Amino acid sequence: MKRKVGVMVLGIFSILAVSLSLQAAEFVNPQYLIETKDLMAKMGQPDLVIVDVRIPEAYELGHIKGAINISVKLTQGTVKGVKEMMLPVADLEKLLSSKGISPDSYVVLHDENVQDFSTLFFWTLNMLGHKKMAVLNGGYQNGQRKVCPYLRKRPSFLQQNILPSTIPLNWQPLRM
């Protein structure tokens, strides 16, 4: 019975993996998706700007080598009393130029892996008329798995000691 369930779970994950990879193949505008190997081939080109749109804390834990961090939240603000609206064009242009992004830049966007924030940032660039851009297919996690050069910083934390005496001798894990 356990083997049967394991085979079923494996089958479901296999179907899911195939369908996700087919999504990129069936994407309406595949020129706006970039694969990790293609990004690696572009590394070092002067017009390439890799933008990590994750929160700064995630960026600090590790990011693709050469990527800059512009959290998508920096492109949003309260406009006419409405929260999380796209900032006015002048503010966005000032933000992007302060990060080294020009109209000639080829901007590659990525977030964790679900690409919610990178596609929102893509939309923002599109609204500004930027033409040279793409979203990293699979996001940071995919790039990391496929050996895209990345930097990792270890989180700093205060080491804590857990004393065995604080755990009851009769402690048992919960069973579901």
N, C-alpha and C. Protein backbone atom coordinates (compact mmCIF):
# COMPACT_ATOMS: atom_id res chain seq x y z
N MET A 1 0.83 -1.19 0.00
CA MET A 1 0.00 0.00 0.00
C MET A 1 0.87 1.26 0.00
N LYS A 2 1.93 1.27 0.85
CA LYS A 2 2.81 2.44 0.90
C LYS A 2 3.49 2.66 -0.44
N ARG A 3 3.89 1.56 -1.08
CA ARG A 3 4.55 1.68 -2.38
C ARG A 3 3.61 2.26 -3.42
N LYS A 4 2.34 1.83 -3.38
CA LYS A 4 1.33 2.30 -4.33
C LYS A 4 1.12 3.82 -4.16
N VAL A 5 1.03 4.26 -2.92
CA VAL A 5 0.86 5.69 -2.63
C VAL A 5 2.10 6.46 -3.09
N GLY A 6 3.28 5.89 -2.84
CA GLY A 6 4.52 6.54 -3.26
C GLY A 6 4.59 6.69 -4.76
N VAL A 7 4.19 5.65 -5.49
CA VAL A 7 4.19 5.71 -6.95
C VAL A 7 3.18 6.75 -7.44
N MET A 8 2.02 6.83 -6.79
CA MET A 8 1.01 7.82 -7.18
C MET A 8 1.53 9.24 -6.96
N VAL A 9 2.15 9.47 -5.81
CA VAL A 9 2.70 10.79 -5.50
C VAL A 9 3.78 11.16 -6.51
N LEU A 10 4.66 10.21 -6.81
CA LEU A 10 5.71 10.45 -7.79
C LEU A 10 5.11 10.78 -9.15
N GLY A 11 4.07 10.07 -9.52
CA GLY A 11 3.39 10.33 -10.79
C GLY A 11 2.79 11.71 -10.84
N ILE A 12 2.17 12.13 -9.76
CA ILE A 12 1.57 13.47 -9.71
C ILE A 12 2.65 14.53 -9.84
N PHE A 13 3.76 14.37 -9.12
CA PHE A 13 4.84 15.34 -9.21
C PHE A 13 5.46 15.36 -10.61
N SER A 14 5.55 14.21 -11.25
CA SER A 14 6.09 14.16 -12.61
C SER A 14 5.19 14.91 -13.58
N ILE A 15 3.89 14.71 -13.47
CA ILE A 15 2.94 15.43 -14.33
C ILE A 15 3.03 16.92 -14.08
N LEU A 16 3.12 17.31 -12.81
CA LEU A 16 3.24 18.73 -12.48
C LEU A 16 4.51 19.33 -13.07
N ALA A 17 5.62 18.62 -12.96
CA ALA A 17 6.89 19.13 -13.49
C ALA A 17 6.82 19.29 -15.00
N VAL A 18 6.24 18.32 -15.68
CA VAL A 18 6.10 18.41 -17.14
C VAL A 18 5.20 19.57 -17.53
N SER A 19 4.09 19.74 -16.81
CA SER A 19 3.17 20.82 -17.16
C SER A 19 3.81 22.18 -16.92
N LEU A 20 4.62 22.31 -15.86
CA LEU A 20 5.29 23.58 -15.60
C LEU A 20 6.31 23.89 -16.68
N SER A 21 7.05 22.89 -17.15
CA SER A 21 8.02 23.15 -18.20
C SER A 21 7.32 23.44 -19.52
N LEU A 22 6.14 22.88 -19.73
CA LEU A 22 5.39 23.17 -20.95
C LEU A 22 4.83 24.59 -20.93
N GLN A 23 4.60 25.13 -19.72
CA GLN A 23 4.09 26.49 -19.62
C GLN A 23 5.03 27.46 -20.32
N ALA A 24 6.33 27.31 -20.12
CA ALA A 24 7.29 28.21 -20.75
C ALA A 24 7.25 28.02 -22.26
N ALA A 25 7.13 26.77 -22.71
CA ALA A 25 7.10 26.49 -24.15
C ALA A 25 5.85 27.08 -24.79
N GLU A 26 4.75 27.14 -24.03
CA GLU A 26 3.50 27.64 -24.57
C GLU A 26 3.27 29.11 -24.22
N PHE A 27 4.23 29.74 -23.61
CA PHE A 27 4.10 31.13 -23.21
C PHE A 27 3.89 32.00 -24.44
N VAL A 28 2.96 32.92 -24.37
CA VAL A 28 2.59 33.73 -25.53
C VAL A 28 3.76 34.56 -26.06
N ASN A 29 4.58 35.09 -25.16
CA ASN A 29 5.72 35.92 -25.56
C ASN A 29 7.01 35.33 -24.99
N PRO A 30 7.49 34.22 -25.56
CA PRO A 30 8.67 33.57 -24.99
C PRO A 30 9.93 34.44 -25.01
N GLN A 31 9.96 35.48 -25.83
CA GLN A 31 11.13 36.36 -25.86
C GLN A 31 11.28 37.13 -24.54
N TYR A 32 10.24 37.12 -23.72
CA TYR A 32 10.32 37.81 -22.43
C TYR A 32 10.66 36.87 -21.27
N LEU A 33 10.98 35.62 -21.59
CA LEU A 33 11.50 34.68 -20.60
C LEU A 33 12.94 34.38 -20.98
N ILE A 34 13.81 34.31 -19.99
CA ILE A 34 15.19 33.95 -20.26
C ILE A 34 15.55 32.74 -19.41
N GLU A 35 16.19 31.79 -20.03
CA GLU A 35 16.63 30.58 -19.32
C GLU A 35 17.97 30.88 -18.63
N THR A 36 18.27 30.11 -17.60
CA THR A 36 19.50 30.31 -16.84
C THR A 36 20.73 30.25 -17.73
N LYS A 37 20.79 29.27 -18.63
CA LYS A 37 21.97 29.13 -19.50
C LYS A 37 22.14 30.36 -20.39
N ASP A 38 21.03 30.95 -20.84
CA ASP A 38 21.11 32.15 -21.67
C ASP A 38 21.55 33.37 -20.86
N LEU A 39 21.10 33.43 -19.62
CA LEU A 39 21.55 34.51 -18.74
C LEU A 39 23.04 34.38 -18.48
N MET A 40 23.50 33.17 -18.23
CA MET A 40 24.93 32.95 -17.98
C MET A 40 25.76 33.38 -19.18
N ALA A 41 25.24 33.15 -20.39
CA ALA A 41 25.96 33.55 -21.60
C ALA A 41 26.04 35.08 -21.72
N LYS A 42 25.09 35.79 -21.14
CA LYS A 42 25.07 37.25 -21.21
C LYS A 42 25.86 37.92 -20.08
N MET A 43 26.27 37.13 -19.07
CA MET A 43 26.99 37.70 -17.93
C MET A 43 28.20 38.50 -18.41
N GLY A 44 28.37 39.67 -17.85
CA GLY A 44 29.51 40.50 -18.20
C GLY A 44 29.23 41.50 -19.32
N GLN A 45 28.09 41.38 -19.99
CA GLN A 45 27.77 42.35 -21.04
C GLN A 45 27.42 43.68 -20.38
N PRO A 46 27.93 44.77 -20.93
CA PRO A 46 27.77 46.06 -20.25
C PRO A 46 26.33 46.55 -20.11
N ASP A 47 25.42 46.11 -20.99
CA ASP A 47 24.05 46.59 -20.90
C ASP A 47 23.17 45.70 -20.00
N LEU A 48 23.71 44.58 -19.49
CA LEU A 48 22.94 43.66 -18.67
C LEU A 48 22.79 44.19 -17.25
N VAL A 49 21.55 44.23 -16.77
CA VAL A 49 21.27 44.57 -15.38
C VAL A 49 20.34 43.48 -14.84
N ILE A 50 20.83 42.73 -13.88
CA ILE A 50 20.02 41.69 -13.24
C ILE A 50 19.40 42.31 -12.00
N VAL A 51 18.08 42.26 -11.94
CA VAL A 51 17.37 42.89 -10.83
C VAL A 51 16.68 41.81 -10.00
N ASP A 52 17.10 41.70 -8.77
CA ASP A 52 16.50 40.79 -7.79
C ASP A 52 15.41 41.59 -7.10
N VAL A 53 14.15 41.22 -7.33
CA VAL A 53 13.04 42.01 -6.79
C VAL A 53 12.52 41.48 -5.46
N ARG A 54 13.28 40.54 -4.87
CA ARG A 54 12.88 40.02 -3.57
C ARG A 54 13.12 41.06 -2.48
N ILE A 55 12.63 40.78 -1.30
CA ILE A 55 12.86 41.70 -0.19
C ILE A 55 14.35 41.75 0.12
N PRO A 56 14.84 42.87 0.65
CA PRO A 56 16.28 43.00 0.91
C PRO A 56 16.86 41.89 1.78
N GLU A 57 16.09 41.39 2.74
CA GLU A 57 16.59 40.34 3.63
C GLU A 57 16.89 39.06 2.84
N ALA A 58 16.04 38.72 1.88
CA ALA A 58 16.28 37.53 1.05
C ALA A 58 17.49 37.75 0.15
N TYR A 59 17.62 38.94 -0.40
CA TYR A 59 18.76 39.29 -1.24
C TYR A 59 20.07 39.14 -0.47
N GLU A 60 20.06 39.61 0.76
CA GLU A 60 21.28 39.55 1.59
C GLU A 60 21.69 38.12 1.91
N LEU A 61 20.72 37.21 1.98
CA LEU A 61 21.05 35.81 2.26
C LEU A 61 21.71 35.12 1.08
N GLY A 62 21.47 35.63 -0.12
CA GLY A 62 22.08 35.07 -1.31
C GLY A 62 21.43 35.64 -2.55
N HIS A 63 22.24 35.91 -3.55
CA HIS A 63 21.71 36.46 -4.79
C HIS A 63 22.62 36.10 -5.95
N ILE A 64 22.09 36.21 -7.15
CA ILE A 64 22.87 35.95 -8.35
C ILE A 64 23.99 36.98 -8.44
N LYS A 65 25.16 36.52 -8.76
CA LYS A 65 26.33 37.39 -8.83
C LYS A 65 26.06 38.56 -9.78
N GLY A 66 26.29 39.76 -9.30
CA GLY A 66 26.11 40.96 -10.10
C GLY A 66 24.71 41.54 -10.04
N ALA A 67 23.78 40.84 -9.40
CA ALA A 67 22.40 41.34 -9.32
C ALA A 67 22.30 42.50 -8.35
N ILE A 68 21.44 43.44 -8.71
CA ILE A 68 21.13 44.53 -7.79
C ILE A 68 19.76 44.22 -7.18
N ASN A 69 19.50 44.80 -6.03
CA ASN A 69 18.23 44.56 -5.36
C ASN A 69 17.36 45.79 -5.46
N ILE A 70 16.21 45.62 -6.09
CA ILE A 70 15.17 46.65 -6.07
C ILE A 70 13.89 45.91 -5.72
N SER A 71 13.53 45.94 -4.46
CA SER A 71 12.30 45.28 -4.04
C SER A 71 11.14 45.91 -4.79
N VAL A 72 10.22 45.09 -5.23
CA VAL A 72 9.07 45.59 -5.98
C VAL A 72 8.29 46.61 -5.15
N LYS A 73 8.39 46.49 -3.84
CA LYS A 73 7.69 47.45 -2.96
C LYS A 73 8.20 48.88 -3.15
N LEU A 74 9.46 49.02 -3.61
CA LEU A 74 10.00 50.36 -3.85
C LEU A 74 9.34 51.04 -5.04
N THR A 75 8.69 50.26 -5.90
CA THR A 75 8.01 50.83 -7.08
C THR A 75 6.56 51.20 -6.77
N GLN A 76 6.16 50.94 -5.52
CA GLN A 76 4.78 51.18 -5.12
C GLN A 76 4.71 52.18 -3.99
N GLY A 77 3.56 52.76 -3.86
CA GLY A 77 3.34 53.69 -2.77
C GLY A 77 1.86 54.02 -2.69
N THR A 78 1.53 54.93 -1.80
CA THR A 78 0.15 55.38 -1.67
C THR A 78 -0.05 56.54 -2.62
N VAL A 79 -0.94 56.35 -3.57
CA VAL A 79 -1.23 57.38 -4.57
C VAL A 79 -2.71 57.73 -4.46
N LYS A 80 -2.98 59.00 -4.14
CA LYS A 80 -4.35 59.49 -3.96
C LYS A 80 -5.12 58.64 -2.96
N GLY A 81 -4.42 58.27 -1.88
CA GLY A 81 -5.05 57.52 -0.80
C GLY A 81 -5.14 56.02 -1.01
N VAL A 82 -4.69 55.52 -2.15
CA VAL A 82 -4.77 54.09 -2.43
C VAL A 82 -3.38 53.47 -2.25
N LYS A 83 -3.29 52.46 -1.38
CA LYS A 83 -2.01 51.81 -1.10
C LYS A 83 -1.61 50.88 -2.23
N GLU A 84 -0.29 50.63 -2.31
CA GLU A 84 0.33 49.70 -3.26
C GLU A 84 0.02 50.03 -4.72
N MET A 85 -0.04 51.30 -5.01
CA MET A 85 -0.22 51.74 -6.40
C MET A 85 1.16 52.01 -7.00
N MET A 86 1.25 51.93 -8.33
CA MET A 86 2.50 52.24 -9.01
C MET A 86 2.82 53.72 -8.76
N LEU A 87 4.08 53.96 -8.43
CA LEU A 87 4.51 55.34 -8.19
C LEU A 87 4.40 56.17 -9.47
N PRO A 88 4.35 57.48 -9.34
CA PRO A 88 4.36 58.33 -10.53
C PRO A 88 5.62 58.09 -11.37
N VAL A 89 5.49 58.30 -12.66
CA VAL A 89 6.57 58.03 -13.62
C VAL A 89 7.88 58.70 -13.21
N ALA A 90 7.82 59.97 -12.82
CA ALA A 90 9.04 60.69 -12.45
C ALA A 90 9.76 60.00 -11.29
N ASP A 91 9.01 59.50 -10.30
CA ASP A 91 9.62 58.82 -9.16
C ASP A 91 10.24 57.49 -9.59
N LEU A 92 9.55 56.77 -10.47
CA LEU A 92 10.09 55.49 -10.95
C LEU A 92 11.35 55.70 -11.78
N GLU A 93 11.34 56.71 -12.64
CA GLU A 93 12.54 57.00 -13.45
C GLU A 93 13.72 57.36 -12.56
N LYS A 94 13.46 58.12 -11.52
CA LYS A 94 14.53 58.49 -10.58
C LYS A 94 15.07 57.25 -9.87
N LEU A 95 14.18 56.36 -9.42
CA LEU A 95 14.59 55.13 -8.76
C LEU A 95 15.44 54.27 -9.69
N LEU A 96 14.96 54.03 -10.90
CA LEU A 96 15.66 53.16 -11.84
C LEU A 96 17.01 53.74 -12.24
N SER A 97 17.06 55.03 -12.51
CA SER A 97 18.33 55.63 -12.91
C SER A 97 19.33 55.62 -11.76
N SER A 98 18.84 55.73 -10.52
CA SER A 98 19.74 55.67 -9.36
C SER A 98 20.35 54.28 -9.19
N LYS A 99 19.72 53.27 -9.78
CA LYS A 99 20.22 51.90 -9.71
C LYS A 99 20.98 51.50 -10.98
N GLY A 100 21.19 52.47 -11.88
CA GLY A 100 21.98 52.19 -13.08
C GLY A 100 21.20 51.63 -14.25
N ILE A 101 19.88 51.74 -14.21
CA ILE A 101 19.05 51.24 -15.31
C ILE A 101 18.71 52.40 -16.23
N SER A 102 19.06 52.21 -17.51
CA SER A 102 18.76 53.22 -18.53
C SER A 102 17.86 52.59 -19.58
N PRO A 103 17.34 53.37 -20.51
CA PRO A 103 16.52 52.80 -21.58
C PRO A 103 17.28 51.77 -22.43
N ASP A 104 18.61 51.83 -22.44
CA ASP A 104 19.41 50.89 -23.21
C ASP A 104 19.75 49.61 -22.45
N SER A 105 19.42 49.56 -21.17
CA SER A 105 19.74 48.39 -20.34
C SER A 105 18.88 47.19 -20.73
N TYR A 106 19.51 46.02 -20.74
CA TYR A 106 18.77 44.77 -20.88
C TYR A 106 18.54 44.27 -19.46
N VAL A 107 17.31 44.38 -18.98
CA VAL A 107 16.98 44.09 -17.59
C VAL A 107 16.43 42.67 -17.47
N VAL A 108 17.06 41.87 -16.61
CA VAL A 108 16.57 40.53 -16.30
C VAL A 108 16.06 40.56 -14.87
N LEU A 109 14.79 40.24 -14.71
CA LEU A 109 14.13 40.29 -13.41
C LEU A 109 13.96 38.89 -12.84
N HIS A 110 14.06 38.78 -11.53
CA HIS A 110 13.74 37.50 -10.89
C HIS A 110 13.34 37.70 -9.45
N ASP A 111 12.55 36.75 -8.97
CA ASP A 111 12.20 36.69 -7.56
C ASP A 111 12.47 35.27 -7.08
N GLU A 112 11.75 34.78 -6.11
CA GLU A 112 12.03 33.43 -5.58
C GLU A 112 11.87 32.38 -6.66
N ASN A 113 10.66 32.07 -7.01
CA ASN A 113 10.41 31.12 -8.09
C ASN A 113 9.01 31.21 -8.65
N VAL A 114 8.11 31.82 -7.93
CA VAL A 114 6.73 31.91 -8.42
C VAL A 114 6.53 33.08 -9.37
N GLN A 115 7.44 34.01 -9.36
CA GLN A 115 7.52 35.11 -10.30
C GLN A 115 6.37 36.10 -10.22
N ASP A 116 5.77 36.20 -9.05
CA ASP A 116 4.72 37.20 -8.87
C ASP A 116 5.31 38.61 -8.93
N PHE A 117 6.38 38.83 -8.14
CA PHE A 117 6.95 40.17 -8.06
C PHE A 117 7.72 40.54 -9.32
N SER A 118 8.41 39.57 -9.92
CA SER A 118 9.17 39.91 -11.13
C SER A 118 8.24 40.28 -12.28
N THR A 119 7.09 39.62 -12.38
CA THR A 119 6.16 39.98 -13.45
C THR A 119 5.49 41.32 -13.17
N LEU A 120 5.28 41.64 -11.90
CA LEU A 120 4.74 42.95 -11.56
C LEU A 120 5.75 44.04 -11.90
N PHE A 121 7.02 43.79 -11.60
CA PHE A 121 8.08 44.75 -11.94
C PHE A 121 8.21 44.86 -13.46
N PHE A 122 8.08 43.72 -14.15
CA PHE A 122 8.10 43.71 -15.62
C PHE A 122 7.00 44.62 -16.16
N TRP A 123 5.81 44.47 -15.61
CA TRP A 123 4.67 45.30 -16.04
C TRP A 123 4.99 46.78 -15.81
N THR A 124 5.61 47.09 -14.67
CA THR A 124 5.97 48.48 -14.37
C THR A 124 6.94 49.01 -15.42
N LEU A 125 7.98 48.23 -15.75
CA LEU A 125 8.93 48.65 -16.79
C LEU A 125 8.22 48.83 -18.13
N ASN A 126 7.32 47.92 -18.43
CA ASN A 126 6.57 48.00 -19.68
C ASN A 126 5.74 49.28 -19.73
N MET A 127 5.11 49.63 -18.62
CA MET A 127 4.31 50.86 -18.56
C MET A 127 5.19 52.10 -18.77
N LEU A 128 6.46 51.99 -18.40
CA LEU A 128 7.39 53.10 -18.60
C LEU A 128 7.96 53.13 -20.02
N GLY A 129 7.63 52.11 -20.81
CA GLY A 129 8.10 52.05 -22.19
C GLY A 129 9.42 51.35 -22.37
N HIS A 130 9.91 50.67 -21.34
CA HIS A 130 11.17 49.94 -21.45
C HIS A 130 10.96 48.73 -22.36
N LYS A 131 11.87 48.49 -23.28
CA LYS A 131 11.69 47.44 -24.28
C LYS A 131 12.59 46.22 -24.07
N LYS A 132 13.76 46.41 -23.49
CA LYS A 132 14.74 45.33 -23.39
C LYS A 132 14.69 44.72 -21.99
N MET A 133 13.89 43.65 -21.85
CA MET A 133 13.73 43.05 -20.52
C MET A 133 13.24 41.62 -20.65
N ALA A 134 13.48 40.85 -19.60
CA ALA A 134 13.02 39.47 -19.54
C ALA A 134 12.91 39.05 -18.07
N VAL A 135 12.16 37.98 -17.86
CA VAL A 135 12.01 37.38 -16.54
C VAL A 135 12.77 36.06 -16.55
N LEU A 136 13.58 35.82 -15.52
CA LEU A 136 14.33 34.58 -15.41
C LEU A 136 13.36 33.44 -15.17
N ASN A 137 13.30 32.51 -16.10
CA ASN A 137 12.36 31.40 -16.01
C ASN A 137 12.72 30.54 -14.80
N GLY A 138 11.79 30.43 -13.87
CA GLY A 138 12.02 29.64 -12.66
C GLY A 138 12.57 30.46 -11.51
N GLY A 139 12.94 31.70 -11.75
CA GLY A 139 13.39 32.58 -10.68
C GLY A 139 14.73 32.21 -10.07
N TYR A 140 14.99 32.78 -8.92
CA TYR A 140 16.26 32.61 -8.22
C TYR A 140 16.54 31.15 -7.91
N GLN A 141 15.51 30.44 -7.45
CA GLN A 141 15.70 29.04 -7.07
C GLN A 141 16.17 28.22 -8.27
N ASN A 142 15.59 28.46 -9.43
CA ASN A 142 15.99 27.74 -10.64
C ASN A 142 17.41 28.12 -11.03
N GLY A 143 17.72 29.39 -10.99
CA GLY A 143 19.07 29.84 -11.31
C GLY A 143 20.10 29.25 -10.37
N GLN A 144 19.76 29.15 -9.12
CA GLN A 144 20.67 28.59 -8.12
C GLN A 144 20.88 27.10 -8.38
N ARG A 145 19.78 26.38 -8.68
CA ARG A 145 19.89 24.94 -8.95
C ARG A 145 20.69 24.66 -10.21
N LYS A 146 20.62 25.56 -11.17
CA LYS A 146 21.31 25.32 -12.44
C LYS A 146 22.69 25.96 -12.46
N VAL A 147 23.26 26.17 -11.30
CA VAL A 147 24.64 26.63 -11.14
C VAL A 147 24.89 28.01 -11.72
N CYS A 148 23.90 28.86 -11.67
CA CYS A 148 24.11 30.26 -12.03
C CYS A 148 25.01 30.83 -10.94
N PRO A 149 26.05 31.58 -11.30
CA PRO A 149 26.93 32.08 -10.25
C PRO A 149 26.14 32.94 -9.25
N TYR A 150 26.24 32.62 -8.01
CA TYR A 150 25.53 33.40 -7.01
C TYR A 150 26.40 33.58 -5.78
N LEU A 151 26.05 34.57 -5.02
CA LEU A 151 26.75 34.86 -3.79
C LEU A 151 25.83 34.51 -2.64
N ARG A 152 26.40 33.98 -1.59
CA ARG A 152 25.58 33.65 -0.45
C ARG A 152 26.22 34.22 0.80
N LYS A 153 25.42 34.87 1.58
CA LYS A 153 25.88 35.32 2.88
C LYS A 153 25.15 34.48 3.91
N ARG A 154 25.87 34.07 4.91
CA ARG A 154 25.23 33.28 5.95
C ARG A 154 24.51 34.21 6.91
N PRO A 155 23.33 33.79 7.35
CA PRO A 155 22.62 34.66 8.30
C PRO A 155 23.38 34.73 9.61
N SER A 156 23.37 35.91 10.19
CA SER A 156 24.02 36.03 11.49
C SER A 156 22.95 35.89 12.56
N PHE A 157 23.25 35.16 13.59
CA PHE A 157 22.32 34.97 14.67
C PHE A 157 23.10 34.67 15.94
N LEU A 158 22.46 34.89 17.03
CA LEU A 158 23.06 34.62 18.32
C LEU A 158 22.82 33.16 18.66
N GLN A 159 23.91 32.42 18.86
CA GLN A 159 23.77 31.00 19.15
C GLN A 159 23.07 30.83 20.49
N GLN A 160 22.12 29.92 20.51
CA GLN A 160 21.38 29.63 21.72
C GLN A 160 21.70 28.20 22.16
N ASN A 161 21.75 27.99 23.44
CA ASN A 161 21.96 26.64 23.96
C ASN A 161 20.62 26.06 24.39
N ILE A 162 20.33 24.86 23.92
CA ILE A 162 19.11 24.18 24.34
C ILE A 162 19.56 23.11 25.32
N LEU A 163 19.07 23.24 26.51
CA LEU A 163 19.46 22.31 27.56
C LEU A 163 18.55 21.09 27.54
N PRO A 164 19.13 19.90 27.53
CA PRO A 164 18.30 18.69 27.53
C PRO A 164 17.34 18.63 28.71
N SER A 165 17.70 19.27 29.81
CA SER A 165 16.84 19.21 30.99
C SER A 165 15.51 19.92 30.78
N THR A 166 15.39 20.78 29.75
CA THR A 166 14.13 21.47 29.52
C THR A 166 13.14 20.61 28.74
N ILE A 167 13.58 19.48 28.22
CA ILE A 167 12.70 18.59 27.47
C ILE A 167 12.24 17.48 28.41
N PRO A 168 10.95 17.29 28.59
CA PRO A 168 10.48 16.23 29.50
C PRO A 168 10.98 14.86 29.06
N LEU A 169 11.32 14.03 30.02
CA LEU A 169 11.85 12.71 29.73
C LEU A 169 10.85 11.84 28.98
N ASN A 170 9.57 12.04 29.19
CA ASN A 170 8.56 11.23 28.54
C ASN A 170 8.01 11.85 27.26
N TRP A 171 8.71 12.80 26.71
CA TRP A 171 8.26 13.50 25.49
C TRP A 171 8.21 12.54 24.31
N GLN A 172 7.14 12.62 23.53
CA GLN A 172 6.97 11.81 22.33
C GLN A 172 6.48 12.74 21.21
N PRO A 173 6.93 12.53 19.99
CA PRO A 173 6.42 13.35 18.89
C PRO A 173 4.94 13.06 18.67
N LEU A 174 4.23 14.05 18.20
CA LEU A 174 2.81 13.87 17.90
C LEU A 174 2.65 12.96 16.69
N ARG A 175 1.67 12.11 16.73
CA ARG A 175 1.38 11.24 15.59
C ARG A 175 0.06 11.66 15.01
N MET A 176 0.05 11.74 13.71
CA MET A 176 -1.18 12.17 13.03
C MET A 176 -1.91 11.00 12.44
